Amino acid sequence: MAVPKRKTSRSRAGKRRSHMKLSSKNIIEDKKSGEYRLSHHLDLKTGLYKGRQVLDKKD
């Protein structure tokens, strides 16, 4: 089993982690309502998902 010979310093770990980008969410505009929502998620306002009524409309 591979084991590191020395402890990774905070500085070195920070340098490595600095390249990880925080990905932006897939935010899209709904075609019918014009509201922004996450892709592959249902619209809570209308209750639609992929053009189908999944939930009752929210008042």
PDB file of N, CA and C in Angstrom:
ATOM      1  N   MET A   1       0.843  -1.180   0.000  1.00  0.00           N
ATOM      2  CA  MET A   1       0.000   0.000   0.000  1.00  0.00           C
ATOM      3  C   MET A   1       0.890   1.246   0.000  1.00  0.00           C
ATOM      4  N   ALA A   2       0.591   2.179  -0.869  1.00  0.00           N
ATOM      5  CA  ALA A   2       1.387   3.400  -0.981  1.00  0.00           C
ATOM      6  C   ALA A   2       1.043   4.362   0.151  1.00  0.00           C
ATOM      7  N   VAL A   3       2.078   4.825   0.829  1.00  0.00           N
ATOM      8  CA  VAL A   3       1.906   5.750   1.940  1.00  0.00           C
ATOM      9  C   VAL A   3       2.837   6.928   1.706  1.00  0.00           C
ATOM     10  N   PRO A   4       2.333   8.172   1.859  1.00  0.00           N
ATOM     11  CA  PRO A   4       3.201   9.333   1.661  1.00  0.00           C
ATOM     12  C   PRO A   4       4.334   9.363   2.694  1.00  0.00           C
ATOM     13  N   LYS A   5       5.517   9.775   2.236  1.00  0.00           N
ATOM     14  CA  LYS A   5       6.670   9.818   3.128  1.00  0.00           C
ATOM     15  C   LYS A   5       6.580  11.000   4.091  1.00  0.00           C
ATOM     16  N   ARG A   6       5.987  12.103   3.625  1.00  0.00           N
ATOM     17  CA  ARG A   6       5.884  13.296   4.463  1.00  0.00           C
ATOM     18  C   ARG A   6       4.481  13.873   4.435  1.00  0.00           C
ATOM     19  N   LYS A   7       4.181  14.629   5.468  1.00  0.00           N
ATOM     20  CA  LYS A   7       2.871  15.277   5.554  1.00  0.00           C
ATOM     21  C   LYS A   7       2.786  16.387   4.508  1.00  0.00           C
ATOM     22  N   THR A   8       1.646  16.496   3.853  1.00  0.00           N
ATOM     23  CA  THR A   8       1.438  17.571   2.889  1.00  0.00           C
ATOM     24  C   THR A   8       1.136  18.852   3.650  1.00  0.00           C
ATOM     25  N   SER A   9       1.919  19.889   3.385  1.00  0.00           N
ATOM     26  CA  SER A   9       1.734  21.150   4.095  1.00  0.00           C
ATOM     27  C   SER A   9       0.449  21.846   3.645  1.00  0.00           C
ATOM     28  N   ARG A  10      -0.022  22.768   4.466  1.00  0.00           N
ATOM     29  CA  ARG A  10      -1.237  23.522   4.132  1.00  0.00           C
ATOM     30  C   ARG A  10      -1.022  24.314   2.848  1.00  0.00           C
ATOM     31  N   SER A  11       0.175  24.831   2.689  1.00  0.00           N
ATOM     32  CA  SER A  11       0.495  25.624   1.500  1.00  0.00           C
ATOM     33  C   SER A  11       0.405  24.775   0.230  1.00  0.00           C
ATOM     34  N   ARG A  12       1.014  23.614   0.281  1.00  0.00           N
ATOM     35  CA  ARG A  12       1.009  22.734  -0.890  1.00  0.00           C
ATOM     36  C   ARG A  12      -0.410  22.236  -1.201  1.00  0.00           C
ATOM     37  N   ALA A  13      -1.150  21.901  -0.148  1.00  0.00           N
ATOM     38  CA  ALA A  13      -2.523  21.436  -0.347  1.00  0.00           C
ATOM     39  C   ALA A  13      -3.374  22.553  -0.935  1.00  0.00           C
ATOM     40  N   GLY A  14      -3.157  23.767  -0.459  1.00  0.00           N
ATOM     41  CA  GLY A  14      -3.902  24.915  -0.974  1.00  0.00           C
ATOM     42  C   GLY A  14      -3.591  25.188  -2.430  1.00  0.00           C
ATOM     43  N   LYS A  15      -2.331  25.028  -2.806  1.00  0.00           N
ATOM     44  CA  LYS A  15      -1.937  25.227  -4.205  1.00  0.00           C
ATOM     45  C   LYS A  15      -2.626  24.209  -5.112  1.00  0.00           C
ATOM     46  N   ARG A  16      -2.713  22.980  -4.626  1.00  0.00           N
ATOM     47  CA  ARG A  16      -3.355  21.923  -5.411  1.00  0.00           C
ATOM     48  C   ARG A  16      -4.854  22.188  -5.542  1.00  0.00           C
ATOM     49  N   ARG A  17      -5.466  22.614  -4.449  1.00  0.00           N
ATOM     50  CA  ARG A  17      -6.916  22.837  -4.453  1.00  0.00           C
ATOM     51  C   ARG A  17      -7.319  24.100  -5.190  1.00  0.00           C
ATOM     52  N   SER A  18      -6.393  25.015  -5.419  1.00  0.00           N
ATOM     53  CA  SER A  18      -6.736  26.283  -6.062  1.00  0.00           C
ATOM     54  C   SER A  18      -7.188  26.099  -7.501  1.00  0.00           C
ATOM     55  N   HIS A  19      -6.834  24.982  -8.110  1.00  0.00           N
ATOM     56  CA  HIS A  19      -7.188  24.754  -9.504  1.00  0.00           C
ATOM     57  C   HIS A  19      -8.567  24.133  -9.668  1.00  0.00           C
ATOM     58  N   MET A  20      -9.148  23.661  -8.565  1.00  0.00           N
ATOM     59  CA  MET A  20     -10.487  23.098  -8.645  1.00  0.00           C
ATOM     60  C   MET A  20     -11.472  24.244  -8.806  1.00  0.00           C
ATOM     61  N   LYS A  21     -12.226  24.218  -9.868  1.00  0.00           N
ATOM     62  CA  LYS A  21     -13.169  25.297 -10.110  1.00  0.00           C
ATOM     63  C   LYS A  21     -14.531  24.911  -9.560  1.00  0.00           C
ATOM     64  N   LEU A  22     -15.205  25.904  -9.039  1.00  0.00           N
ATOM     65  CA  LEU A  22     -16.575  25.683  -8.609  1.00  0.00           C
ATOM     66  C   LEU A  22     -17.427  25.757  -9.860  1.00  0.00           C
ATOM     67  N   SER A  23     -18.009  24.640 -10.238  1.00  0.00           N
ATOM     68  CA  SER A  23     -18.782  24.610 -11.472  1.00  0.00           C
ATOM     69  C   SER A  23     -20.095  25.354 -11.275  1.00  0.00           C
ATOM     70  N   SER A  24     -20.473  26.097 -12.287  1.00  0.00           N
ATOM     71  CA  SER A  24     -21.754  26.790 -12.223  1.00  0.00           C
ATOM     72  C   SER A  24     -22.860  25.791 -12.508  1.00  0.00           C
ATOM     73  N   LYS A  25     -23.978  25.990 -11.899  1.00  0.00           N
ATOM     74  CA  LYS A  25     -25.100  25.083 -12.079  1.00  0.00           C
ATOM     75  C   LYS A  25     -25.664  25.260 -13.481  1.00  0.00           C
ATOM     76  N   ASN A  26     -26.330  24.231 -13.966  1.00  0.00           N
ATOM     77  CA  ASN A  26     -26.971  24.289 -15.268  1.00  0.00           C
ATOM     78  C   ASN A  26     -28.292  25.023 -15.128  1.00  0.00           C
ATOM     79  N   ILE A  27     -28.240  26.334 -15.223  1.00  0.00           N
ATOM     80  CA  ILE A  27     -29.445  27.131 -15.101  1.00  0.00           C
ATOM     81  C   ILE A  27     -29.940  27.447 -16.509  1.00  0.00           C
ATOM     82  N   ILE A  28     -31.203  27.110 -16.758  1.00  0.00           N
ATOM     83  CA  ILE A  28     -31.781  27.358 -18.070  1.00  0.00           C
ATOM     84  C   ILE A  28     -33.068  28.152 -17.909  1.00  0.00           C
ATOM     85  N   GLU A  29     -33.495  28.770 -19.001  1.00  0.00           N
ATOM     86  CA  GLU A  29     -34.753  29.507 -18.985  1.00  0.00           C
ATOM     87  C   GLU A  29     -35.860  28.570 -19.439  1.00  0.00           C
ATOM     88  N   ASP A  30     -36.930  28.510 -18.673  1.00  0.00           N
ATOM     89  CA  ASP A  30     -38.062  27.657 -19.018  1.00  0.00           C
ATOM     90  C   ASP A  30     -38.729  28.207 -20.269  1.00  0.00           C
ATOM     91  N   LYS A  31     -39.073  27.323 -21.206  1.00  0.00           N
ATOM     92  CA  LYS A  31     -39.636  27.756 -22.475  1.00  0.00           C
ATOM     93  C   LYS A  31     -41.026  28.354 -22.322  1.00  0.00           C
ATOM     94  N   LYS A  32     -41.848  27.756 -21.451  1.00  0.00           N
ATOM     95  CA  LYS A  32     -43.228  28.229 -21.322  1.00  0.00           C
ATOM     96  C   LYS A  32     -43.347  29.435 -20.398  1.00  0.00           C
ATOM     97  N   SER A  33     -42.791  29.318 -19.191  1.00  0.00           N
ATOM     98  CA  SER A  33     -42.998  30.374 -18.198  1.00  0.00           C
ATOM     99  C   SER A  33     -41.950  31.478 -18.268  1.00  0.00           C
ATOM    100  N   GLY A  34     -40.782  31.188 -18.847  1.00  0.00           N
ATOM    101  CA  GLY A  34     -39.726  32.188 -18.908  1.00  0.00           C
ATOM    102  C   GLY A  34     -38.927  32.295 -17.621  1.00  0.00           C
ATOM    103  N   GLU A  35     -39.264  31.471 -16.640  1.00  0.00           N
ATOM    104  CA  GLU A  35     -38.547  31.469 -15.364  1.00  0.00           C
ATOM    105  C   GLU A  35     -37.252  30.684 -15.505  1.00  0.00           C
ATOM    106  N   TYR A  36     -36.277  31.011 -14.678  1.00  0.00           N
ATOM    107  CA  TYR A  36     -35.030  30.266 -14.665  1.00  0.00           C
ATOM    108  C   TYR A  36     -35.153  29.096 -13.700  1.00  0.00           C
ATOM    109  N   ARG A  37     -34.601  27.947 -14.090  1.00  0.00           N
ATOM    110  CA  ARG A  37     -34.623  26.761 -13.244  1.00  0.00           C
ATOM    111  C   ARG A  37     -33.426  25.901 -13.592  1.00  0.00           C
ATOM    112  N   LEU A  38     -33.147  24.912 -12.749  1.00  0.00           N
ATOM    113  CA  LEU A  38     -32.069  23.981 -13.016  1.00  0.00           C
ATOM    114  C   LEU A  38     -32.511  22.977 -14.075  1.00  0.00           C
ATOM    115  N   SER A  39     -31.621  22.647 -14.993  1.00  0.00           N
ATOM    116  CA  SER A  39     -31.968  21.654 -15.993  1.00  0.00           C
ATOM    117  C   SER A  39     -32.102  20.292 -15.337  1.00  0.00           C
ATOM    118  N   HIS A  40     -32.919  19.435 -15.888  1.00  0.00           N
ATOM    119  CA  HIS A  40     -33.232  18.113 -15.367  1.00  0.00           C
ATOM    120  C   HIS A  40     -33.930  18.168 -14.010  1.00  0.00           C
ATOM    121  N   HIS A  41     -34.584  19.294 -13.706  1.00  0.00           N
ATOM    122  CA  HIS A  41     -35.377  19.428 -12.491  1.00  0.00           C
ATOM    123  C   HIS A  41     -36.762  19.918 -12.903  1.00  0.00           C
ATOM    124  N   LEU A  42     -37.760  19.554 -12.125  1.00  0.00           N
ATOM    125  CA  LEU A  42     -39.091  20.009 -12.486  1.00  0.00           C
ATOM    126  C   LEU A  42     -39.307  21.433 -12.026  1.00  0.00           C
ATOM    127  N   ASP A  43     -40.206  22.120 -12.708  1.00  0.00           N
ATOM    128  CA  ASP A  43     -40.545  23.494 -12.370  1.00  0.00           C
ATOM    129  C   ASP A  43     -41.586  23.462 -11.265  1.00  0.00           C
ATOM    130  N   LEU A  44     -41.233  23.933 -10.082  1.00  0.00           N
ATOM    131  CA  LEU A  44     -42.129  23.860  -8.936  1.00  0.00           C
ATOM    132  C   LEU A  44     -43.337  24.770  -9.096  1.00  0.00           C
ATOM    133  N   LYS A  45     -43.180  25.859  -9.861  1.00  0.00           N
ATOM    134  CA  LYS A  45     -44.285  26.799 -10.030  1.00  0.00           C
ATOM    135  C   LYS A  45     -45.412  26.187 -10.857  1.00  0.00           C
ATOM    136  N   THR A  46     -45.036  25.540 -11.967  1.00  0.00           N
ATOM    137  CA  THR A  46     -46.049  24.974 -12.858  1.00  0.00           C
ATOM    138  C   THR A  46     -46.263  23.484 -12.616  1.00  0.00           C
ATOM    139  N   GLY A  47     -45.288  22.800 -12.046  1.00  0.00           N
ATOM    140  CA  GLY A  47     -45.407  21.363 -11.797  1.00  0.00           C
ATOM    141  C   GLY A  47     -45.104  20.527 -13.023  1.00  0.00           C
ATOM    142  N   LEU A  48     -44.459  21.109 -14.022  1.00  0.00           N
ATOM    143  CA  LEU A  48     -44.151  20.394 -15.267  1.00  0.00           C
ATOM    144  C   LEU A  48     -42.731  19.859 -15.254  1.00  0.00           C
ATOM    145  N   TYR A  49     -42.552  18.704 -15.872  1.00  0.00           N
ATOM    146  CA  TYR A  49     -41.226  18.141 -16.106  1.00  0.00           C
ATOM    147  C   TYR A  49     -41.254  17.483 -17.473  1.00  0.00           C
ATOM    148  N   LYS A  50     -40.396  17.927 -18.358  1.00  0.00           N
ATOM    149  CA  LYS A  50     -40.330  17.436 -19.743  1.00  0.00           C
ATOM    150  C   LYS A  50     -41.681  17.522 -20.432  1.00  0.00           C
ATOM    151  N   GLY A  51     -42.418  18.607 -20.174  1.00  0.00           N
ATOM    152  CA  GLY A  51     -43.700  18.820 -20.831  1.00  0.00           C
ATOM    153  C   GLY A  51     -44.869  18.069 -20.220  1.00  0.00           C
ATOM    154  N   ARG A  52     -44.613  17.296 -19.176  1.00  0.00           N
ATOM    155  CA  ARG A  52     -45.674  16.520 -18.530  1.00  0.00           C
ATOM    156  C   ARG A  52     -46.036  17.139 -17.188  1.00  0.00           C
ATOM    157  N   GLN A  53     -47.303  17.075 -16.829  1.00  0.00           N
ATOM    158  CA  GLN A  53     -47.754  17.550 -15.529  1.00  0.00           C
ATOM    159  C   GLN A  53     -47.426  16.483 -14.485  1.00  0.00           C
ATOM    160  N   VAL A  54     -46.502  16.804 -13.565  1.00  0.00           N
ATOM    161  CA  VAL A  54     -46.058  15.857 -12.551  1.00  0.00           C
ATOM    162  C   VAL A  54     -46.670  16.189 -11.194  1.00  0.00           C
ATOM    163  N   LEU A  55     -46.712  17.462 -10.857  1.00  0.00           N
ATOM    164  CA  LEU A  55     -47.274  17.926  -9.587  1.00  0.00           C
ATOM    165  C   LEU A  55     -48.427  18.886  -9.859  1.00  0.00           C
ATOM    166  N   ASP A  56     -49.267  19.085  -8.850  1.00  0.00           N
ATOM    167  CA  ASP A  56     -50.314  20.088  -8.961  1.00  0.00           C
ATOM    168  C   ASP A  56     -49.668  21.472  -8.948  1.00  0.00           C
ATOM    169  N   LYS A  57     -50.316  22.437  -9.613  1.00  0.00           N
ATOM    170  CA  LYS A  57     -49.774  23.798  -9.657  1.00  0.00           C
ATOM    171  C   LYS A  57     -49.722  24.400  -8.267  1.00  0.00           C
ATOM    172  N   LYS A  58     -48.676  25.201  -8.035  1.00  0.00           N
ATOM    173  CA  LYS A  58     -48.510  25.863  -6.755  1.00  0.00           C
ATOM    174  C   LYS A  58     -49.237  27.217  -6.830  1.00  0.00           C
ATOM    175  N   ASP A  59     -50.061  27.510  -5.844  1.00  0.00           N
ATOM    176  CA  ASP A  59     -50.811  28.772  -5.867  1.00  0.00           C
ATOM    177  C   ASP A  59     -50.008  29.913  -5.310  1.00  0.00           C
TER     178      ASP A  59
END
